[in-house]
C-alpha atoms as a PDB file:
ATOM      1  CA  UNK A   1     108.347  98.184 105.446  1.00  0.00           C
ATOM      2  CA  UNK A   2     106.813 101.472 106.567  1.00  0.00           C
ATOM      3  CA  UNK A   3     103.443 101.378 108.329  1.00  0.00           C
ATOM      4  CA  UNK A   4     101.031 104.153 109.231  1.00  0.00           C
ATOM      5  CA  UNK A   5      98.700 104.108 112.172  1.00  0.00           C
ATOM      6  CA  UNK A   6      96.689 106.280 114.498  1.00  0.00           C
ATOM      7  CA  UNK A   7      94.292 106.473 117.358  1.00  0.00           C
ATOM      8  CA  UNK A   8      90.587 106.354 116.445  1.00  0.00           C
ATOM      9  CA  UNK A   9      90.111 110.116 115.990  1.00  0.00           C
ATOM     10  CA  UNK A  10      93.502 110.651 114.303  1.00  0.00           C
ATOM     11  CA  UNK A  11      94.909 113.141 116.801  1.00  0.00           C
ATOM     12  CA  UNK A  12      97.820 110.768 117.397  1.00  0.00           C
ATOM     13  CA  UNK A  13      99.149 109.471 114.083  1.00  0.00           C
ATOM     14  CA  UNK A  14     102.463 107.758 113.493  1.00  0.00           C
ATOM     15  CA  UNK A  15     104.732 105.985 111.049  1.00  0.00           C
ATOM     16  CA  UNK A  16     106.908 103.053 111.980  1.00  0.00           C
ATOM     17  CA  UNK A  17     109.450 101.053 110.004  1.00  0.00           C
ATOM     18  CA  UNK A  18     110.176  97.367 110.395  1.00  0.00           C
ATOM     19  CA  UNK A  19     108.724  93.931 109.867  1.00  0.00           C
ATOM     20  CA  UNK A  20     105.807  92.787 111.971  1.00  0.00           C
ATOM     21  CA  UNK A  21     106.774  89.179 112.498  1.00  0.00           C
ATOM     22  CA  UNK A  22     105.286  88.745 115.964  1.00  0.00           C
ATOM     23  CA  UNK A  23     103.100  90.518 118.507  1.00  0.00           C
ATOM     24  CA  UNK A  24     102.876  90.171 122.248  1.00  0.00           C
ATOM     25  CA  UNK A  25      99.674  89.817 124.255  1.00  0.00           C
ATOM     26  CA  UNK A  26     100.271  90.424 127.941  1.00  0.00           C
ATOM     27  CA  UNK A  27      97.923  89.608 130.803  1.00  0.00           C
ATOM     28  CA  UNK A  28      99.216  92.205 133.290  1.00  0.00           C
ATOM     29  CA  UNK A  29      96.625  94.494 134.871  1.00  0.00           C
ATOM     30  CA  UNK A  30      96.818  97.229 132.220  1.00  0.00           C
ATOM     31  CA  UNK A  31      97.430  95.172 129.062  1.00  0.00           C
ATOM     32  CA  UNK A  32      94.584  92.798 129.882  1.00  0.00           C
ATOM     33  CA  UNK A  33      92.189  95.708 130.149  1.00  0.00           C
ATOM     34  CA  UNK A  34      93.449  97.499 127.009  1.00  0.00           C
ATOM     35  CA  UNK A  35      93.603  94.416 124.802  1.00  0.00           C
ATOM     36  CA  UNK A  36      96.665  95.680 122.967  1.00  0.00           C
ATOM     37  CA  UNK A  37      98.792  93.542 120.688  1.00  0.00           C
ATOM     38  CA  UNK A  38     102.307  94.915 121.044  1.00  0.00           C
ATOM     39  CA  UNK A  39     105.111  95.037 118.492  1.00  0.00           C
ATOM     40  CA  UNK A  40     108.458  96.173 119.868  1.00  0.00           C
ATOM     41  CA  UNK A  41     110.749  98.359 117.753  1.00  0.00           C
ATOM     42  CA  UNK A  42     113.595 100.756 118.481  1.00  0.00           C
ATOM     43  CA  UNK A  43     111.971 104.127 119.291  1.00  0.00           C
ATOM     44  CA  UNK A  44     114.059 105.706 116.527  1.00  0.00           C
ATOM     45  CA  UNK A  45     111.998 103.750 113.943  1.00  0.00           C
ATOM     46  CA  UNK A  46     108.768 105.436 115.059  1.00  0.00           C
ATOM     47  CA  UNK A  47     107.747 108.975 114.143  1.00  0.00           C
ATOM     48  CA  UNK A  48     104.707 110.775 115.503  1.00  0.00           C
ATOM     49  CA  UNK A  49     103.287 112.594 112.457  1.00  0.00           C
ATOM     50  CA  UNK A  50     100.748 114.793 114.239  1.00  0.00           C
ATOM     51  CA  UNK A  51     101.571 117.655 116.599  1.00  0.00           C
ATOM     52  CA  UNK A  52     102.151 116.480 120.145  1.00  0.00           C
ATOM     53  CA  UNK A  53      99.747 118.645 122.122  1.00  0.00           C
ATOM     54  CA  UNK A  54      97.342 118.545 125.036  1.00  0.00           C
ATOM     55  CA  UNK A  55      95.424 115.653 123.420  1.00  0.00           C
ATOM     56  CA  UNK A  56      98.293 113.240 124.090  1.00  0.00           C
ATOM     57  CA  UNK A  57      98.030 111.550 127.456  1.00  0.00           C
ATOM     58  CA  UNK A  58     100.734 109.666 129.311  1.00  0.00           C
ATOM     59  CA  UNK A  59      99.950 107.126 131.997  1.00  0.00           C
ATOM     60  CA  UNK A  60     102.622 105.887 134.396  1.00  0.00           C
ATOM     61  CA  UNK A  61     102.067 103.241 137.025  1.00  0.00           C
ATOM     62  CA  UNK A  62     103.926 100.675 139.121  1.00  0.00           C
ATOM     63  CA  UNK A  63     107.633 101.542 138.707  1.00  0.00           C
ATOM     64  CA  UNK A  64     106.907 104.561 136.443  1.00  0.00           C
ATOM     65  CA  UNK A  65     109.239 103.241 133.730  1.00  0.00           C
ATOM     66  CA  UNK A  66     106.868 102.639 130.818  1.00  0.00           C
ATOM     67  CA  UNK A  67     105.145 105.690 129.333  1.00  0.00           C
ATOM     68  CA  UNK A  68     101.736 104.440 128.171  1.00  0.00           C
ATOM     69  CA  UNK A  69     100.674 106.878 125.434  1.00  0.00           C
ATOM     70  CA  UNK A  70      96.988 107.409 124.689  1.00  0.00           C
ATOM     71  CA  UNK A  71      94.687 109.958 123.071  1.00  0.00           C
ATOM     72  CA  UNK A  72      92.749 112.092 125.548  1.00  0.00           C
ATOM     73  CA  UNK A  73      90.017 112.627 122.949  1.00  0.00           C
ATOM     74  CA  UNK A  74      89.156 109.073 121.866  1.00  0.00           C
ATOM     75  CA  UNK A  75      90.987 107.120 124.587  1.00  0.00           C
ATOM     76  CA  UNK A  76      92.903 104.792 122.275  1.00  0.00           C
ATOM     77  CA  UNK A  77      96.316 103.566 123.423  1.00  0.00           C
ATOM     78  CA  UNK A  78      98.667 103.838 120.446  1.00  0.00           C
ATOM     79  CA  UNK A  79     101.977 102.805 121.983  1.00  0.00           C
ATOM     80  CA  UNK A  80     104.244 102.722 124.993  1.00  0.00           C
ATOM     81  CA  UNK A  81     107.798 103.971 125.398  1.00  0.00           C
ATOM     82  CA  UNK A  82     110.524 102.750 127.739  1.00  0.00           C
ATOM     83  CA  UNK A  83     114.182 101.827 127.841  1.00  0.00           C
ATOM     84  CA  UNK A  84     115.073  98.164 127.389  1.00  0.00           C
ATOM     85  CA  UNK A  85     117.371  96.459 129.940  1.00  0.00           C
ATOM     86  CA  UNK A  86     120.418  97.821 128.047  1.00  0.00           C
ATOM     87  CA  UNK A  87     119.100 101.403 128.107  1.00  0.00           C
ATOM     88  CA  UNK A  88     118.002 101.564 124.455  1.00  0.00           C
ATOM     89  CA  UNK A  89     114.727 103.423 123.881  1.00  0.00           C
ATOM     90  CA  UNK A  90     111.980 101.086 122.649  1.00  0.00           C
ATOM     91  CA  UNK A  91     108.447 101.681 121.394  1.00  0.00           C
ATOM     92  CA  UNK A  92     105.762  99.079 122.026  1.00  0.00           C
ATOM     93  CA  UNK A  93     103.362  99.734 119.142  1.00  0.00           C
ATOM     94  CA  UNK A  94      99.758  98.638 119.501  1.00  0.00           C
ATOM     95  CA  UNK A  95      99.416  96.922 116.121  1.00  0.00           C
ATOM     96  CA  UNK A  96      95.635  97.196 116.387  1.00  0.00           C
ATOM     97  CA  UNK A  97      96.229 100.891 115.514  1.00  0.00           C
ATOM     98  CA  UNK A  98      98.164 100.149 112.302  1.00  0.00           C
ATOM     99  CA  UNK A  99      96.292 100.535 109.018  1.00  0.00           C
ATOM    100  CA  UNK A 100      96.012  97.746 106.466  1.00  0.00           C
ATOM    101  CA  UNK A 101      97.408  94.737 108.301  1.00  0.00           C
ATOM    102  CA  UNK A 102      95.682  91.416 108.777  1.00  0.00           C
ATOM    103  CA  UNK A 103      95.806  90.851 112.523  1.00  0.00           C
ATOM    104  CA  UNK A 104      94.958  87.175 112.213  1.00  0.00           C
ATOM    105  CA  UNK A 105      98.125  86.689 110.118  1.00  0.00           C
ATOM    106  CA  UNK A 106     100.431  87.961 112.895  1.00  0.00           C
ATOM    107  CA  UNK A 107     101.719  85.272 115.280  1.00  0.00           C
ATOM    108  CA  UNK A 108     100.991  86.222 118.894  1.00  0.00           C
ATOM    109  CA  UNK A 109     103.169  85.346 121.873  1.00  0.00           C
ATOM    110  CA  UNK A 110     101.310  85.278 125.181  1.00  0.00           C
ATOM    111  CA  UNK A 111     103.289  86.800 128.046  1.00  0.00           C
ATOM    112  CA  UNK A 112     102.391  86.187 131.686  1.00  0.00           C
ATOM    113  CA  UNK A 113     102.941  89.717 132.974  1.00  0.00           C
ATOM    114  CA  UNK A 114     100.428  89.164 135.756  1.00  0.00           C
ATOM    115  CA  UNK A 115     102.852  86.981 137.719  1.00  0.00           C
ATOM    116  CA  UNK A 116     105.929  89.222 137.152  1.00  0.00           C
END
C-alpha cells in the first residue's frame, strides 16, 4: 500500500510503500519528548515529494548515527534515517504524520530505549 504524509505545514511531504502492521514507541530521551510512533521501512520505499530546502532540519545526537528529520517551520518530526546493523538504509516513519490511518488500529510495541 502507498501512504502519503507530511509535517503540519506541508513543507516536508512524503510517500511511503509498505504495510503498517506495527509501530514502535520508544522511551529514550528524544522519542519520549517527541511522542512519535515509528514504522521502520527500507529507505528506498520512502520518497520525499517536496523540495528539500532550508526548511528541512536534521538533528544528530549521542553517536550521530540517526538523522532525525524535522520541519524548521512547524517543528514536526516526520522521520529518521539510519543504517541498520547490516548497513541497509532504513527510514523510521512517524506514523502520526501519515494521512488517513487509524492510529488506534496499529499495534504498538514499547521499546525501552532509555536503558540502552
